[in-house]
Amino acid sequence: MDSDNIIPFEQPKPYSRFAGTPMKSDLVEKASEVVSDPLVLINMVSKRVRQLNSGRSPLIPTVPSMGAADIALREIIEGKIRLVDTPANG
């Protein structure tokens, strides 16, 4: 292949006010003890990360090394955010 024909594929890096490292597996394990369904846990974390990145304040004390996903997981572990059952529309 000619190097002239190669186009690099670069995705823009998402902006986050919380520039920490990728989420830590020990936090994922602890949070999965609180929310046992992995799909529900993923949805909760991703929704909270979006909230944090859009300007919502963390509900726990943070340090600069914590990323938004770490904050969301820690909030779940500490019971600051939780899944609330809503009645089904009938």
N, C-alpha and C. Protein backbone atom coordinates (compact mmCIF):
# COMPACT_ATOMS: atom_id res chain seq x y z
N MET A 1 0.82 -1.19 0.00
CA MET A 1 0.00 0.00 0.00
C MET A 1 0.87 1.25 0.00
N ASP A 2 0.45 2.21 -0.77
CA ASP A 2 1.15 3.49 -0.76
C ASP A 2 0.76 4.27 0.49
N SER A 3 1.72 4.91 1.09
CA SER A 3 1.41 5.72 2.27
C SER A 3 0.59 6.95 1.89
N ASP A 4 0.58 7.31 0.60
CA ASP A 4 -0.23 8.44 0.15
C ASP A 4 -1.72 8.12 0.21
N ASN A 5 -2.07 6.84 0.18
CA ASN A 5 -3.46 6.44 0.17
C ASN A 5 -4.04 6.18 1.57
N ILE A 6 -3.21 6.32 2.58
CA ILE A 6 -3.66 6.04 3.94
C ILE A 6 -4.15 7.34 4.58
N ILE A 7 -5.37 7.28 5.05
CA ILE A 7 -5.95 8.43 5.74
C ILE A 7 -6.11 8.03 7.20
N PRO A 8 -5.46 8.76 8.10
CA PRO A 8 -5.58 8.39 9.52
C PRO A 8 -7.00 8.64 10.03
N PHE A 9 -7.46 7.73 10.83
CA PHE A 9 -8.79 7.86 11.44
C PHE A 9 -8.60 8.28 12.88
N GLU A 10 -8.97 9.50 13.16
CA GLU A 10 -8.85 10.00 14.53
C GLU A 10 -10.20 10.51 14.98
N GLN A 11 -10.64 10.01 16.11
CA GLN A 11 -11.89 10.49 16.67
C GLN A 11 -11.58 11.63 17.63
N PRO A 12 -12.46 12.62 17.65
CA PRO A 12 -12.23 13.70 18.61
C PRO A 12 -12.37 13.17 20.03
N LYS A 13 -11.52 13.63 20.89
CA LYS A 13 -11.55 13.19 22.28
C LYS A 13 -12.69 13.93 22.99
N PRO A 14 -13.56 13.19 23.68
CA PRO A 14 -14.67 13.87 24.36
C PRO A 14 -14.15 14.79 25.46
N TYR A 15 -14.81 15.90 25.62
CA TYR A 15 -14.42 16.86 26.65
C TYR A 15 -15.00 16.44 27.98
N SER A 16 -14.21 16.49 29.01
CA SER A 16 -14.68 16.21 30.35
C SER A 16 -14.01 17.17 31.32
N ARG A 17 -14.79 17.68 32.25
CA ARG A 17 -14.20 18.52 33.31
C ARG A 17 -13.39 17.66 34.26
N PHE A 18 -13.62 16.35 34.24
CA PHE A 18 -12.96 15.42 35.14
C PHE A 18 -11.97 14.61 34.32
N ALA A 19 -10.72 15.02 34.33
CA ALA A 19 -9.73 14.46 33.43
C ALA A 19 -8.97 13.28 34.01
N GLY A 20 -9.59 12.50 34.86
CA GLY A 20 -8.91 11.38 35.49
C GLY A 20 -8.64 10.24 34.54
N THR A 21 -8.14 9.17 35.10
CA THR A 21 -7.81 7.98 34.32
C THR A 21 -9.08 7.17 34.04
N PRO A 22 -9.03 6.18 33.15
CA PRO A 22 -10.21 5.34 32.91
C PRO A 22 -10.69 4.69 34.20
N MET A 23 -11.98 4.35 34.24
CA MET A 23 -12.55 3.85 35.49
C MET A 23 -11.82 2.61 35.98
N LYS A 24 -11.75 2.50 37.28
CA LYS A 24 -10.99 1.44 37.91
C LYS A 24 -11.87 0.20 38.12
N SER A 25 -11.31 -0.97 37.86
CA SER A 25 -12.08 -2.21 37.91
C SER A 25 -12.59 -2.51 39.32
N ASP A 26 -11.87 -2.09 40.36
CA ASP A 26 -12.36 -2.35 41.72
C ASP A 26 -13.64 -1.57 41.99
N LEU A 27 -13.76 -0.37 41.41
CA LEU A 27 -14.99 0.39 41.57
C LEU A 27 -16.14 -0.28 40.83
N VAL A 28 -15.85 -0.82 39.65
CA VAL A 28 -16.88 -1.52 38.88
C VAL A 28 -17.37 -2.73 39.68
N GLU A 29 -16.46 -3.47 40.27
CA GLU A 29 -16.84 -4.66 41.05
C GLU A 29 -17.70 -4.28 42.24
N LYS A 30 -17.31 -3.23 42.96
CA LYS A 30 -18.09 -2.80 44.12
C LYS A 30 -19.46 -2.29 43.71
N ALA A 31 -19.52 -1.53 42.62
CA ALA A 31 -20.80 -1.00 42.14
C ALA A 31 -21.71 -2.13 41.66
N SER A 32 -21.12 -3.19 41.11
CA SER A 32 -21.94 -4.31 40.64
C SER A 32 -22.54 -5.11 41.79
N GLU A 33 -22.01 -4.92 43.00
CA GLU A 33 -22.63 -5.52 44.18
C GLU A 33 -23.88 -4.74 44.56
N VAL A 34 -23.92 -3.45 44.23
CA VAL A 34 -25.07 -2.61 44.52
C VAL A 34 -26.12 -2.74 43.43
N VAL A 35 -25.68 -2.70 42.17
CA VAL A 35 -26.56 -2.84 41.01
C VAL A 35 -26.12 -4.11 40.28
N SER A 36 -26.86 -5.19 40.46
CA SER A 36 -26.39 -6.49 39.97
C SER A 36 -26.53 -6.67 38.46
N ASP A 37 -27.46 -5.98 37.82
CA ASP A 37 -27.65 -6.11 36.37
C ASP A 37 -26.63 -5.23 35.65
N PRO A 38 -25.69 -5.84 34.89
CA PRO A 38 -24.64 -5.05 34.24
C PRO A 38 -25.18 -3.99 33.27
N LEU A 39 -26.27 -4.30 32.57
CA LEU A 39 -26.83 -3.32 31.63
C LEU A 39 -27.39 -2.12 32.36
N VAL A 40 -28.03 -2.36 33.47
CA VAL A 40 -28.57 -1.25 34.27
C VAL A 40 -27.42 -0.41 34.83
N LEU A 41 -26.38 -1.07 35.31
CA LEU A 41 -25.22 -0.35 35.85
C LEU A 41 -24.58 0.51 34.76
N ILE A 42 -24.40 -0.03 33.59
CA ILE A 42 -23.82 0.73 32.47
C ILE A 42 -24.67 1.95 32.16
N ASN A 43 -25.99 1.76 32.11
CA ASN A 43 -26.87 2.88 31.81
C ASN A 43 -26.84 3.95 32.89
N MET A 44 -26.80 3.52 34.15
CA MET A 44 -26.73 4.49 35.24
C MET A 44 -25.43 5.29 35.19
N VAL A 45 -24.33 4.60 34.99
CA VAL A 45 -23.03 5.28 34.94
C VAL A 45 -22.97 6.23 33.75
N SER A 46 -23.41 5.78 32.58
CA SER A 46 -23.32 6.64 31.40
C SER A 46 -24.21 7.87 31.53
N LYS A 47 -25.39 7.71 32.10
CA LYS A 47 -26.27 8.87 32.30
C LYS A 47 -25.65 9.85 33.28
N ARG A 48 -25.07 9.33 34.36
CA ARG A 48 -24.45 10.21 35.36
C ARG A 48 -23.21 10.89 34.80
N VAL A 49 -22.43 10.19 33.99
CA VAL A 49 -21.25 10.79 33.35
C VAL A 49 -21.69 11.96 32.46
N ARG A 50 -22.77 11.76 31.70
CA ARG A 50 -23.28 12.86 30.86
C ARG A 50 -23.69 14.05 31.73
N GLN A 51 -24.34 13.78 32.85
CA GLN A 51 -24.73 14.86 33.75
C GLN A 51 -23.51 15.60 34.29
N LEU A 52 -22.51 14.85 34.74
CA LEU A 52 -21.30 15.48 35.28
C LEU A 52 -20.59 16.31 34.22
N ASN A 53 -20.49 15.76 33.00
CA ASN A 53 -19.80 16.48 31.93
C ASN A 53 -20.58 17.71 31.46
N SER A 54 -21.88 17.74 31.73
CA SER A 54 -22.66 18.91 31.33
C SER A 54 -22.73 19.96 32.43
N GLY A 55 -22.04 19.72 33.53
CA GLY A 55 -21.93 20.75 34.56
C GLY A 55 -22.53 20.42 35.91
N ARG A 56 -23.18 19.27 36.06
CA ARG A 56 -23.73 18.91 37.38
C ARG A 56 -22.58 18.66 38.35
N SER A 57 -22.80 18.99 39.60
CA SER A 57 -21.77 18.83 40.63
C SER A 57 -21.75 17.41 41.16
N PRO A 58 -20.55 16.90 41.46
CA PRO A 58 -20.45 15.58 42.09
C PRO A 58 -21.13 15.59 43.46
N LEU A 59 -21.66 14.44 43.85
CA LEU A 59 -22.33 14.30 45.13
C LEU A 59 -21.40 13.77 46.21
N ILE A 60 -20.14 13.58 45.85
CA ILE A 60 -19.13 13.07 46.77
C ILE A 60 -17.89 13.96 46.67
N PRO A 61 -17.03 13.92 47.69
CA PRO A 61 -15.76 14.64 47.56
C PRO A 61 -14.91 13.97 46.47
N THR A 62 -14.24 14.77 45.66
CA THR A 62 -13.43 14.22 44.56
C THR A 62 -11.99 14.69 44.67
N VAL A 63 -11.14 13.98 43.95
CA VAL A 63 -9.74 14.37 43.80
C VAL A 63 -9.46 14.49 42.32
N PRO A 64 -8.44 15.26 41.91
CA PRO A 64 -8.19 15.48 40.49
C PRO A 64 -7.97 14.22 39.66
N SER A 65 -7.52 13.14 40.29
CA SER A 65 -7.25 11.91 39.52
C SER A 65 -8.51 11.12 39.19
N MET A 66 -9.66 11.54 39.71
CA MET A 66 -10.91 10.82 39.47
C MET A 66 -11.53 11.27 38.16
N GLY A 67 -11.87 10.32 37.31
CA GLY A 67 -12.60 10.62 36.09
C GLY A 67 -14.09 10.65 36.39
N ALA A 68 -14.88 11.09 35.42
CA ALA A 68 -16.33 11.18 35.61
C ALA A 68 -16.94 9.81 35.90
N ALA A 69 -16.44 8.76 35.24
CA ALA A 69 -16.96 7.41 35.49
C ALA A 69 -16.63 6.95 36.90
N ASP A 70 -15.44 7.27 37.40
CA ASP A 70 -15.08 6.93 38.78
C ASP A 70 -16.01 7.62 39.76
N ILE A 71 -16.31 8.89 39.49
CA ILE A 71 -17.21 9.63 40.37
C ILE A 71 -18.59 8.99 40.37
N ALA A 72 -19.10 8.67 39.19
CA ALA A 72 -20.43 8.04 39.08
C ALA A 72 -20.45 6.70 39.81
N LEU A 73 -19.43 5.89 39.63
CA LEU A 73 -19.38 4.59 40.31
C LEU A 73 -19.32 4.76 41.83
N ARG A 74 -18.50 5.69 42.29
CA ARG A 74 -18.38 5.94 43.73
C ARG A 74 -19.72 6.44 44.29
N GLU A 75 -20.43 7.27 43.54
CA GLU A 75 -21.75 7.74 43.98
C GLU A 75 -22.73 6.58 44.11
N ILE A 76 -22.66 5.63 43.18
CA ILE A 76 -23.52 4.44 43.26
C ILE A 76 -23.15 3.60 44.48
N ILE A 77 -21.85 3.38 44.68
CA ILE A 77 -21.37 2.57 45.80
C ILE A 77 -21.81 3.19 47.13
N GLU A 78 -21.73 4.52 47.23
CA GLU A 78 -22.05 5.19 48.49
C GLU A 78 -23.55 5.47 48.64
N GLY A 79 -24.35 5.04 47.66
CA GLY A 79 -25.79 5.21 47.77
C GLY A 79 -26.29 6.61 47.49
N LYS A 80 -25.45 7.44 46.88
CA LYS A 80 -25.84 8.82 46.56
C LYS A 80 -26.78 8.87 45.36
N ILE A 81 -26.63 7.92 44.45
CA ILE A 81 -27.58 7.77 43.33
C ILE A 81 -28.00 6.32 43.29
N ARG A 82 -29.24 6.10 42.96
CA ARG A 82 -29.75 4.73 42.90
C ARG A 82 -30.87 4.65 41.89
N LEU A 83 -31.17 3.45 41.50
CA LEU A 83 -32.24 3.19 40.55
C LEU A 83 -33.56 3.22 41.31
N VAL A 84 -34.52 3.97 40.76
CA VAL A 84 -35.83 4.08 41.38
C VAL A 84 -36.83 3.41 40.46
N ASP A 85 -37.60 2.47 41.00
CA ASP A 85 -38.65 1.82 40.21
C ASP A 85 -39.78 2.81 39.97
N THR A 86 -40.22 2.89 38.74
CA THR A 86 -41.38 3.71 38.41
C THR A 86 -42.49 2.80 37.94
N PRO A 87 -43.73 3.14 38.26
CA PRO A 87 -44.82 2.29 37.80
C PRO A 87 -44.93 2.29 36.28
N ALA A 88 -45.22 1.13 35.73
CA ALA A 88 -45.37 1.01 34.27
C ALA A 88 -46.63 1.72 33.84
N ASN A 89 -46.56 2.38 32.67
CA ASN A 89 -47.75 3.02 32.12
C ASN A 89 -48.69 1.93 31.64
N GLY A 90 -49.92 2.00 32.05
CA GLY A 90 -50.80 0.91 31.75
C GLY A 90 -51.88 1.19 30.82
